[in-house]
Each structure stands twice: as structure tokens, then as C-alpha cells.
Amino acid sequence: MTEIEALQAVLAAEHAAVYVYGVLGGQASQSAQPALFSSVSDAYATHRSRRDLLTGEITDLGAHPVAAAAAYDVPDALGGPAAIARTARRLEDGCAAAYAALVESTTAHRRRWAVGALGDAAVRVLAFRGTPEMFPGAGEYTDH
């Protein structure tokens, strides 16, 4: 995978994250589940910022950033905190996989940035009550 292809894949993952976290934010209750609501809100802000940064970087490299889809898959039954957390964990796992590919496809400052984003996704999975993985984003090394 080329660097630009990896950047585009990460941007696509970030588009999905922004969309889905927007839906999750509408399902989480700030008063009933303040920690969950805060985690979802923080994740939304982080992914939105990364999406905007990646759009600029891809444009600066002379490519056209991949556009967001009109909609993304969201489970029908998001009525409870467990379903919201489970959806957020899956979303972060997908972002981690995209960032792992970016780590593999880049060097220097962009690789360091991707490693940081990958680590952030792994920590966020834990915030949504997941279990740690030895190599987050690297499916061939997972234990499930």
C-alpha cells in the first residue's frame, strides 16, 4: 500500500468514526452515563480533528481526499450503554487497523503521528471496557 493509499484509508475510517460517534452521542445520556457520554464526546472531537488534519495533508500531497459516504452502518439496537460501548470498541478497532497500515506505509514524522494515533485508539478501546491487545490494529496478532 502506498503512503497516499494508506492516508486515504485512514481518512475513510475517520469519516466513519465521525458519523458513528455522532449517532452514539445522541444515544448516550449525559446525566445517566456521564463517563460513557464523556468518552463518546471526546472520541468524536478527536476523530473530527484527525479527519480535518488528514484532509489537509492529502490535499497538500496533491491528491483528492476520499469523500465521506452518505451514511454508515450503525446497529439498530443502541438503546443501552453496553451496545454503545460495544459499537465504539468496534469502531476504534477499525480505526486502529487503518492506523496500523499507515504506520507500515510511512516514515519519519508521519509514522510517529500514526503510531500515536494507533496508541490512542488502543487506549480508547479500553475506555469503552475492552481488553488490551498486544498489537492493536494488527489482526494477525490478535487473540480473539
Protein backbone atom coordinates (compact mmCIF):
# COMPACT_ATOMS: atom_id res chain seq x y z
CA MET A 1 0.00 0.00 0.00
CA THR A 2 1.38 3.42 -0.89
CA GLU A 3 1.52 6.25 1.60
CA ILE A 4 -1.31 8.13 -0.11
CA GLU A 5 -3.47 4.98 -0.23
CA ALA A 6 -2.87 4.44 3.48
CA LEU A 7 -3.72 8.07 4.22
CA GLN A 8 -6.92 7.75 2.20
CA ALA A 9 -7.85 4.55 4.10
CA VAL A 10 -7.31 6.32 7.42
CA LEU A 11 -9.37 9.27 6.22
CA ALA A 12 -12.18 6.90 5.24
CA ALA A 13 -12.03 5.35 8.73
CA GLU A 14 -12.13 8.81 10.28
CA HIS A 15 -15.18 9.78 8.20
CA ALA A 16 -16.94 6.69 9.54
CA ALA A 17 -15.84 7.44 13.10
CA VAL A 18 -17.17 10.99 12.98
CA TYR A 19 -20.52 9.79 11.64
CA VAL A 20 -20.95 6.88 14.04
CA TYR A 21 -19.77 8.79 17.10
CA GLY A 22 -22.30 11.48 16.21
CA VAL A 23 -25.03 8.84 16.35
CA LEU A 24 -23.63 7.35 19.56
CA GLY A 25 -23.54 10.78 21.19
CA GLY A 26 -27.24 11.11 20.51
CA GLN A 27 -27.85 7.78 22.27
CA ALA A 28 -25.66 8.29 25.36
CA SER A 29 -27.18 10.12 28.32
CA GLN A 30 -25.02 12.82 29.86
CA SER A 31 -26.91 12.59 33.16
CA ALA A 32 -27.39 8.79 33.39
CA GLN A 33 -23.99 7.71 31.97
CA PRO A 34 -21.63 10.68 32.37
CA ALA A 35 -18.43 8.64 31.85
CA LEU A 36 -19.75 6.99 28.69
CA PHE A 37 -21.08 10.28 27.37
CA SER A 38 -17.72 11.94 28.03
CA SER A 39 -15.81 9.13 26.31
CA VAL A 40 -18.07 9.31 23.26
CA SER A 41 -17.83 13.12 23.13
CA ASP A 42 -14.04 13.08 23.46
CA ALA A 43 -13.75 10.42 20.77
CA TYR A 44 -15.98 12.43 18.43
CA ALA A 45 -13.83 15.54 18.88
CA THR A 46 -10.58 13.62 18.38
CA HIS A 47 -11.76 11.86 15.22
CA ARG A 48 -13.20 15.07 13.80
CA SER A 49 -9.88 16.83 14.34
CA ARG A 50 -7.94 13.97 12.74
CA ARG A 51 -10.33 13.86 9.80
CA ASP A 52 -9.73 17.55 9.15
CA LEU A 53 -5.95 17.19 9.51
CA LEU A 54 -5.85 14.22 7.11
CA THR A 55 -7.97 16.08 4.56
CA GLY A 56 -5.41 18.88 4.57
CA GLU A 57 -2.42 16.54 4.37
CA ILE A 58 -3.85 14.59 1.46
CA THR A 59 -4.65 17.83 -0.36
CA ASP A 60 -1.11 19.10 0.32
CA LEU A 61 0.24 15.92 -1.30
CA GLY A 62 -1.68 16.80 -4.47
CA ALA A 63 -4.40 14.18 -4.15
CA HIS A 64 -8.15 14.49 -3.74
CA PRO A 65 -9.25 13.36 -0.28
CA VAL A 66 -11.71 10.48 -0.27
CA ALA A 67 -15.22 11.78 0.37
CA ALA A 68 -17.38 10.65 3.23
CA ALA A 69 -20.16 8.22 2.46
CA ALA A 70 -23.74 9.43 2.69
CA ALA A 71 -24.30 7.07 5.65
CA TYR A 72 -22.55 4.35 7.61
CA ASP A 73 -23.76 1.15 9.26
CA VAL A 74 -24.95 1.65 12.81
CA PRO A 75 -26.57 -1.16 14.81
CA ASP A 76 -30.33 -0.81 15.15
CA ALA A 77 -30.41 -1.52 18.87
CA LEU A 78 -28.32 1.16 20.55
CA GLY A 79 -30.69 1.64 23.45
CA GLY A 80 -28.27 0.85 26.24
CA PRO A 81 -24.77 1.70 27.42
CA ALA A 82 -23.43 -1.79 26.64
CA ALA A 83 -24.46 -1.53 22.98
CA ILE A 84 -22.99 1.97 22.69
CA ALA A 85 -19.68 0.83 24.21
CA ARG A 86 -19.59 -2.29 22.01
CA THR A 87 -20.16 -0.19 18.88
CA ALA A 88 -17.46 2.28 19.95
CA ARG A 89 -14.98 -0.56 20.53
CA ARG A 90 -15.62 -1.96 17.06
CA LEU A 91 -15.22 1.49 15.58
CA GLU A 92 -11.90 2.03 17.36
CA ASP A 93 -10.70 -1.43 16.28
CA GLY A 94 -11.37 -0.40 12.66
CA CYS A 95 -9.50 2.87 13.11
CA ALA A 96 -6.61 1.02 14.76
CA ALA A 97 -6.33 -1.30 11.76
CA ALA A 98 -6.22 1.69 9.39
CA TYR A 99 -3.57 3.41 11.50
CA ALA A 100 -1.50 0.21 11.68
CA ALA A 101 -1.44 0.16 7.87
CA LEU A 102 -0.40 3.82 7.88
CA VAL A 103 2.46 3.02 10.27
CA GLU A 104 3.60 0.33 7.87
CA SER A 105 3.38 2.64 4.83
CA THR A 106 5.05 5.78 6.17
CA THR A 107 8.28 7.07 7.64
CA ALA A 108 9.56 9.89 9.83
CA HIS A 109 7.07 12.36 11.32
CA ARG A 110 4.01 10.85 9.63
CA ARG A 111 4.85 7.41 11.04
CA ARG A 112 5.35 8.87 14.52
CA TRP A 113 1.97 10.59 14.24
CA ALA A 114 0.33 7.34 13.09
CA VAL A 115 1.90 5.41 15.98
CA GLY A 116 0.46 7.97 18.38
CA ALA A 117 -2.99 7.70 16.80
CA LEU A 118 -2.78 3.90 16.91
CA GLY A 119 -1.90 4.01 20.60
CA ASP A 120 -4.73 6.44 21.21
CA ALA A 121 -7.21 4.08 19.54
CA ALA A 122 -5.96 1.21 21.70
CA VAL A 123 -6.41 3.28 24.87
CA ARG A 124 -9.87 4.34 23.73
CA VAL A 125 -10.89 0.69 23.32
CA LEU A 126 -10.00 0.23 26.98
CA ALA A 127 -12.07 3.28 27.92
CA PHE A 128 -15.06 1.51 26.40
CA ARG A 129 -14.32 -1.51 28.61
CA GLY A 130 -12.47 -3.61 26.09
CA THR A 131 -9.48 -5.81 26.68
CA PRO A 132 -5.95 -4.83 25.72
CA GLU A 133 -4.26 -6.40 22.72
CA MET A 134 -0.56 -6.92 22.28
CA PHE A 135 -0.55 -5.42 18.78
CA PRO A 136 -3.72 -3.33 18.29
CA GLY A 137 -4.72 -2.93 14.68
CA ALA A 138 -2.72 -5.95 13.55
CA GLY A 139 -5.40 -8.58 13.06
CA GLU A 140 -2.98 -11.43 12.52
CA TYR A 141 -1.67 -10.98 16.07
CA THR A 142 -4.95 -10.67 17.95
CA ASP A 143 -6.04 -13.23 20.49
CA HIS A 144 -9.70 -13.42 19.50
